[in-house]
Amino acid sequence: MGFLSVFRKSKNVSVIPLNGVIAANMGRRKGLNLNELDKYIEQAFSVKNLKAVALQINSPGGSPVQSEMIANRIRELSDKNNIPVLAFVEDVAASGGYWLACAADEIIASKASIIGSIGVVSSGFGFNKAIEKIGIDRRLYTSGDNKAILDPFLPENPEDIKRLKAIQNELHIQFITFVKSRRGSKIKDDNKEVFTGAFWSGEKSLELGLIDSFGEMKCILKERFGSQVKIKEFAPKKKLFGFSSLLSGALDMLIHRFEEKSIYNRFGL
């Protein structure tokens, strides 16, 4: 009877690691996305005697669509099961990474964490002068006046930029609306910089109301739920590839690593 009593009182916390760039999978390039994570999010909320779900975040952002879908799925299961969600930020929770953090009821970070970047960015290159200098003719055939907007091999068109900026503004408003719905009065409206895409250290973020406190995940969970709390991680397993597969995917993986590193570099990481 004593054993059963102890078993019933066991306290469990599920941990969902959210590390890396948020993006739909493309071949061997793996990003954080709902298709990849949904099964593990469901499993995390299905643990018996569950006291909380912890999000372990280290992400510079990425796809706003995947950010929204992952965050909404976490909120859906949290509300359905009446389980609190805690976000623990490691190096960075910026842009879409901060969107994920706002899915939690409480955000805990390090004083040195990078937080914020509540904005939308699009980037690319223009090659029209390069192909002109080399002497290459660009041949492009379309049906539809707007089918080839933002073509990197053509000069910039002010109308194309206007169209892109309009879409970016819509996405920015969606991002701001979600942050405000989750952080409520914690973020002071009189601080005009919060929603400009700027980012800060964890220490400054606490002043701005972007996070709630400082701490390290395991220490905080033990403080709140006791030293005997059981912590279980739910994340996709890393796949091993054969030698031929590694060779064929080497260039693709290098490009992915370069792109990922360039996004982290925006925040000095």
Protein backbone atom coordinates (compact mmCIF):
# COMPACT_ATOMS: atom_id res chain seq x y z
CA MET A 1 0.00 0.00 0.00
CA GLY A 2 2.89 2.33 0.83
CA PHE A 3 4.51 1.65 -2.55
CA LEU A 4 1.27 2.42 -4.40
CA SER A 5 0.86 5.65 -2.45
CA VAL A 6 4.35 6.84 -3.41
CA PHE A 7 3.74 5.83 -7.06
CA ARG A 8 0.51 7.84 -7.24
CA LYS A 9 2.22 10.91 -5.83
CA SER A 10 5.12 10.85 -8.31
CA LYS A 11 5.48 14.17 -10.08
CA ASN A 12 6.32 14.16 -13.78
CA VAL A 13 7.39 16.97 -16.09
CA SER A 14 7.67 16.57 -19.86
CA VAL A 15 10.37 18.47 -21.74
CA ILE A 16 10.07 19.39 -25.42
CA PRO A 17 13.39 20.63 -26.91
CA LEU A 18 12.83 23.32 -29.55
CA ASN A 19 16.32 23.86 -30.90
CA GLY A 20 17.25 25.32 -34.27
CA VAL A 21 15.67 27.20 -37.15
CA ILE A 22 11.89 26.93 -37.56
CA ALA A 23 11.15 25.65 -41.07
CA ALA A 24 9.29 23.02 -43.05
CA ASN A 25 11.45 20.01 -43.92
CA MET A 26 13.10 20.12 -47.35
CA GLY A 27 14.86 16.89 -48.22
CA ARG A 28 17.65 16.33 -45.72
CA ARG A 29 17.25 19.83 -44.34
CA LYS A 30 15.39 19.44 -41.07
CA GLY A 31 13.77 22.33 -39.26
CA LEU A 32 11.41 22.77 -36.36
CA ASN A 33 7.91 22.22 -37.75
CA LEU A 34 4.58 20.83 -36.61
CA ASN A 35 4.76 17.79 -38.89
CA GLU A 36 7.99 16.72 -37.21
CA LEU A 37 6.98 17.66 -33.66
CA ASP A 38 3.25 16.96 -33.37
CA LYS A 39 3.63 13.34 -32.22
CA TYR A 40 6.09 14.31 -29.51
CA ILE A 41 3.99 17.25 -28.33
CA GLU A 42 1.01 14.90 -27.92
CA GLN A 43 3.13 12.35 -26.06
CA ALA A 44 4.48 15.07 -23.77
CA PHE A 45 0.96 16.02 -22.67
CA SER A 46 -0.14 12.37 -22.30
CA VAL A 47 2.16 11.49 -19.38
CA LYS A 48 0.40 10.34 -16.20
CA ASN A 49 0.65 12.48 -13.06
CA LEU A 50 1.89 15.32 -15.24
CA LYS A 51 2.57 18.57 -13.40
CA ALA A 52 3.91 20.71 -16.26
CA VAL A 53 5.33 20.73 -19.76
CA ALA A 54 8.65 22.53 -20.24
CA LEU A 55 9.73 24.01 -23.56
CA GLN A 56 13.53 24.08 -23.84
CA ILE A 57 14.07 26.82 -26.44
CA ASN A 58 17.15 27.76 -28.41
CA SER A 59 15.88 29.19 -31.70
CA PRO A 60 16.58 32.35 -33.74
CA GLY A 61 13.25 31.97 -35.53
CA GLY A 62 12.27 31.11 -39.08
CA SER A 63 8.89 30.31 -40.63
CA PRO A 64 6.01 32.36 -39.14
CA VAL A 65 3.56 29.69 -40.32
CA GLN A 66 5.33 26.87 -38.47
CA SER A 67 5.86 29.11 -35.43
CA GLU A 68 2.14 29.78 -35.23
CA MET A 69 1.16 26.15 -35.82
CA ILE A 70 3.51 24.77 -33.16
CA ALA A 71 2.50 27.42 -30.63
CA ASN A 72 -1.20 26.87 -31.27
CA ARG A 73 -0.84 23.10 -30.87
CA ILE A 74 0.91 23.54 -27.53
CA ARG A 75 -1.78 25.95 -26.33
CA GLU A 76 -4.55 23.61 -27.47
CA LEU A 77 -3.21 20.67 -25.47
CA SER A 78 -2.32 22.82 -22.47
CA ASP A 79 -5.88 24.17 -22.24
CA LYS A 80 -7.47 20.79 -22.95
CA ASN A 81 -5.48 18.98 -20.24
CA ASN A 82 -5.23 21.92 -17.83
CA ILE A 83 -1.43 21.56 -17.73
CA PRO A 84 0.80 24.63 -17.29
CA VAL A 85 3.58 25.26 -19.79
CA LEU A 86 6.95 26.74 -18.85
CA ALA A 87 9.41 28.06 -21.45
CA PHE A 88 13.13 27.91 -20.64
CA VAL A 89 15.22 30.03 -23.00
CA GLU A 90 18.85 29.07 -23.48
CA ASP A 91 20.98 31.15 -25.89
CA VAL A 92 18.20 32.69 -27.93
CA ALA A 93 14.43 32.96 -28.36
CA ALA A 94 14.11 35.54 -31.10
CA SER A 95 11.54 36.16 -33.82
CA GLY A 96 9.73 32.82 -34.30
CA GLY A 97 11.68 31.47 -31.32
CA TYR A 98 10.02 34.10 -29.13
CA TRP A 99 6.66 33.22 -30.72
CA LEU A 100 7.20 29.66 -29.42
CA ALA A 101 8.19 30.96 -25.98
CA CYS A 102 4.92 32.92 -25.78
CA ALA A 103 3.02 29.64 -26.05
CA ALA A 104 4.09 29.12 -22.42
CA ASP A 105 2.37 30.51 -19.34
CA GLU A 106 5.73 31.63 -18.02
CA ILE A 107 9.06 32.44 -19.72
CA ILE A 108 12.32 31.84 -17.84
CA ALA A 109 15.70 32.75 -19.32
CA SER A 110 19.32 33.51 -18.53
CA LYS A 111 20.50 37.08 -18.03
CA ALA A 112 22.67 36.58 -21.12
CA SER A 113 19.93 35.09 -23.34
CA ILE A 114 18.90 36.96 -26.48
CA ILE A 115 15.17 37.76 -26.49
CA GLY A 116 12.76 39.56 -28.81
CA SER A 117 13.04 40.46 -32.50
CA ILE A 118 9.25 40.73 -32.78
CA GLY A 119 9.20 41.51 -36.48
CA VAL A 120 9.30 40.00 -39.97
CA VAL A 121 12.28 39.81 -42.33
CA SER A 122 12.81 38.70 -45.93
CA SER A 123 16.23 38.56 -47.55
CA GLY A 124 17.77 37.70 -50.87
CA PHE A 125 20.30 38.71 -53.53
CA GLY A 126 20.13 40.61 -56.80
CA PHE A 127 22.10 39.15 -59.73
CA ASN A 128 20.88 41.35 -62.60
CA LYS A 129 24.10 43.41 -62.78
CA ALA A 130 26.27 40.29 -62.52
CA ILE A 131 24.65 38.46 -65.45
CA GLU A 132 24.75 41.68 -67.47
CA LYS A 133 28.47 42.01 -66.85
CA ILE A 134 29.13 38.37 -67.71
CA GLY A 135 26.99 38.66 -70.83
CA ILE A 136 24.21 36.23 -69.96
CA ASP A 137 20.67 36.71 -71.30
CA ARG A 138 17.86 36.07 -68.83
CA ARG A 139 14.95 34.29 -70.54
CA LEU A 140 11.80 34.08 -68.49
CA TYR A 141 8.31 33.30 -69.77
CA THR A 142 5.23 33.63 -67.57
CA SER A 143 1.46 33.74 -67.72
CA GLY A 144 0.24 36.29 -65.19
CA ASP A 145 1.57 39.78 -64.56
CA ASN A 146 2.77 39.00 -61.02
CA LYS A 147 4.10 35.49 -61.55
CA ALA A 148 7.77 36.53 -61.51
CA ILE A 149 7.82 39.25 -58.87
CA LEU A 150 11.03 39.58 -56.83
CA ASP A 151 13.00 37.66 -59.46
CA PRO A 152 16.66 38.00 -58.33
CA PHE A 153 17.85 38.21 -61.95
CA LEU A 154 15.73 41.28 -62.72
CA PRO A 155 16.09 44.86 -61.39
CA GLU A 156 14.00 45.64 -58.31
CA ASN A 157 10.46 46.75 -59.06
CA PRO A 158 8.94 49.27 -56.60
CA GLU A 159 5.52 47.63 -56.99
CA ASP A 160 6.98 44.22 -56.06
CA ILE A 161 8.56 45.70 -52.93
CA LYS A 162 5.28 47.40 -52.01
CA ARG A 163 3.43 44.09 -52.32
CA LEU A 164 6.03 42.28 -50.18
CA LYS A 165 5.97 44.99 -47.50
CA ALA A 166 2.17 44.75 -47.29
CA ILE A 167 2.41 41.00 -46.61
CA GLN A 168 5.18 41.58 -44.05
CA ASN A 169 3.02 44.14 -42.22
CA GLU A 170 0.14 41.66 -42.02
CA LEU A 171 2.43 38.98 -40.57
CA HIS A 172 3.92 41.50 -38.14
CA ILE A 173 0.45 42.41 -36.84
CA GLN A 174 -0.36 38.70 -36.39
CA PHE A 175 2.87 38.25 -34.40
CA ILE A 176 2.18 41.30 -32.20
CA THR A 177 -1.40 40.18 -31.57
CA PHE A 178 -0.25 36.75 -30.36
CA VAL A 179 2.44 38.21 -28.09
CA LYS A 180 -0.05 40.66 -26.55
CA SER A 181 -2.64 37.91 -26.06
CA ARG A 182 -0.11 35.81 -24.15
CA ARG A 183 1.89 38.45 -22.25
CA GLY A 184 -1.05 40.75 -21.48
CA SER A 185 -0.27 43.72 -19.25
CA LYS A 186 3.27 42.40 -18.57
CA ILE A 187 4.48 44.32 -21.63
CA LYS A 188 4.14 48.06 -21.16
CA ASP A 189 2.47 49.80 -24.11
CA ASP A 190 4.52 52.96 -23.55
CA ASN A 191 7.70 51.20 -24.72
CA LYS A 192 7.57 51.74 -28.48
CA GLU A 193 10.66 49.63 -29.21
CA VAL A 194 9.24 46.28 -28.10
CA PHE A 195 7.50 45.55 -31.40
CA THR A 196 10.05 47.10 -33.77
CA GLY A 197 12.06 43.92 -34.33
CA ALA A 198 14.73 44.93 -31.79
CA PHE A 199 16.20 42.35 -29.42
CA TRP A 200 17.73 42.49 -25.96
CA SER A 201 19.61 40.54 -23.32
CA GLY A 202 17.60 38.53 -20.84
CA GLU A 203 18.33 41.14 -18.18
CA LYS A 204 16.77 43.97 -20.19
CA SER A 205 13.95 41.67 -21.35
CA LEU A 206 12.84 41.19 -17.76
CA GLU A 207 12.47 44.97 -17.39
CA LEU A 208 10.44 45.11 -20.62
CA GLY A 209 8.12 42.29 -19.52
CA LEU A 210 9.21 39.93 -22.31
CA ILE A 211 10.21 37.27 -19.76
CA ASP A 212 9.19 36.50 -16.17
CA SER A 213 12.35 35.42 -14.35
CA PHE A 214 15.86 33.95 -14.56
CA GLY A 215 16.86 30.36 -13.98
CA GLU A 216 18.08 27.02 -15.30
CA MET A 217 15.49 24.41 -16.23
CA LYS A 218 16.36 21.47 -13.98
CA CYS A 219 16.97 23.67 -10.94
CA ILE A 220 13.65 25.48 -11.38
CA LEU A 221 11.70 22.24 -11.91
CA LYS A 222 13.20 20.71 -8.75
CA GLU A 223 12.43 23.86 -6.77
CA ARG A 224 8.81 23.83 -7.87
CA PHE A 225 8.00 20.13 -7.92
CA GLY A 226 10.52 18.64 -5.48
CA SER A 227 13.88 16.94 -5.85
CA GLN A 228 12.20 13.65 -6.83
CA VAL A 229 10.46 15.15 -9.88
CA LYS A 230 10.80 12.93 -12.95
CA ILE A 231 11.82 14.76 -16.11
CA LYS A 232 11.25 13.06 -19.46
CA GLU A 233 12.30 14.46 -22.83
CA PHE A 234 10.20 14.14 -25.97
CA ALA A 235 12.04 14.84 -29.23
CA PRO A 236 12.66 13.22 -32.64
CA LYS A 237 15.58 10.80 -32.62
CA LYS A 238 18.57 11.68 -34.74
CA LYS A 239 18.76 9.48 -37.83
CA LEU A 240 21.95 7.76 -38.95
CA PHE A 241 22.73 7.63 -42.67
CA GLY A 242 24.94 5.27 -44.64
CA PHE A 243 28.18 6.40 -46.27
CA SER A 244 26.64 6.85 -49.72
CA SER A 245 23.74 8.85 -48.29
CA LEU A 246 26.14 11.09 -46.41
CA LEU A 247 28.11 11.80 -49.58
CA SER A 248 25.04 12.56 -51.67
CA GLY A 249 23.61 14.87 -49.02
CA ALA A 250 26.86 16.57 -47.99
CA LEU A 251 26.40 19.70 -50.12
CA ASP A 252 22.75 20.05 -49.08
CA MET A 253 23.69 19.79 -45.41
CA LEU A 254 26.53 22.32 -45.80
CA ILE A 255 24.14 24.82 -47.38
CA HIS A 256 21.64 24.22 -44.57
CA ARG A 257 24.33 24.75 -41.91
CA PHE A 258 25.48 27.94 -43.61
CA GLU A 259 21.92 29.30 -43.77
CA GLU A 260 21.29 28.33 -40.14
CA LYS A 261 24.53 29.95 -39.00
CA SER A 262 23.72 33.16 -40.89
CA ILE A 263 20.40 33.42 -38.99
CA TYR A 264 22.11 32.90 -35.62
CA ASN A 265 24.74 35.50 -36.62
CA ARG A 266 22.04 38.17 -36.69
CA PHE A 267 22.01 37.93 -32.91
CA GLY A 268 25.78 37.72 -32.42
CA LEU A 269 25.73 33.94 -31.83
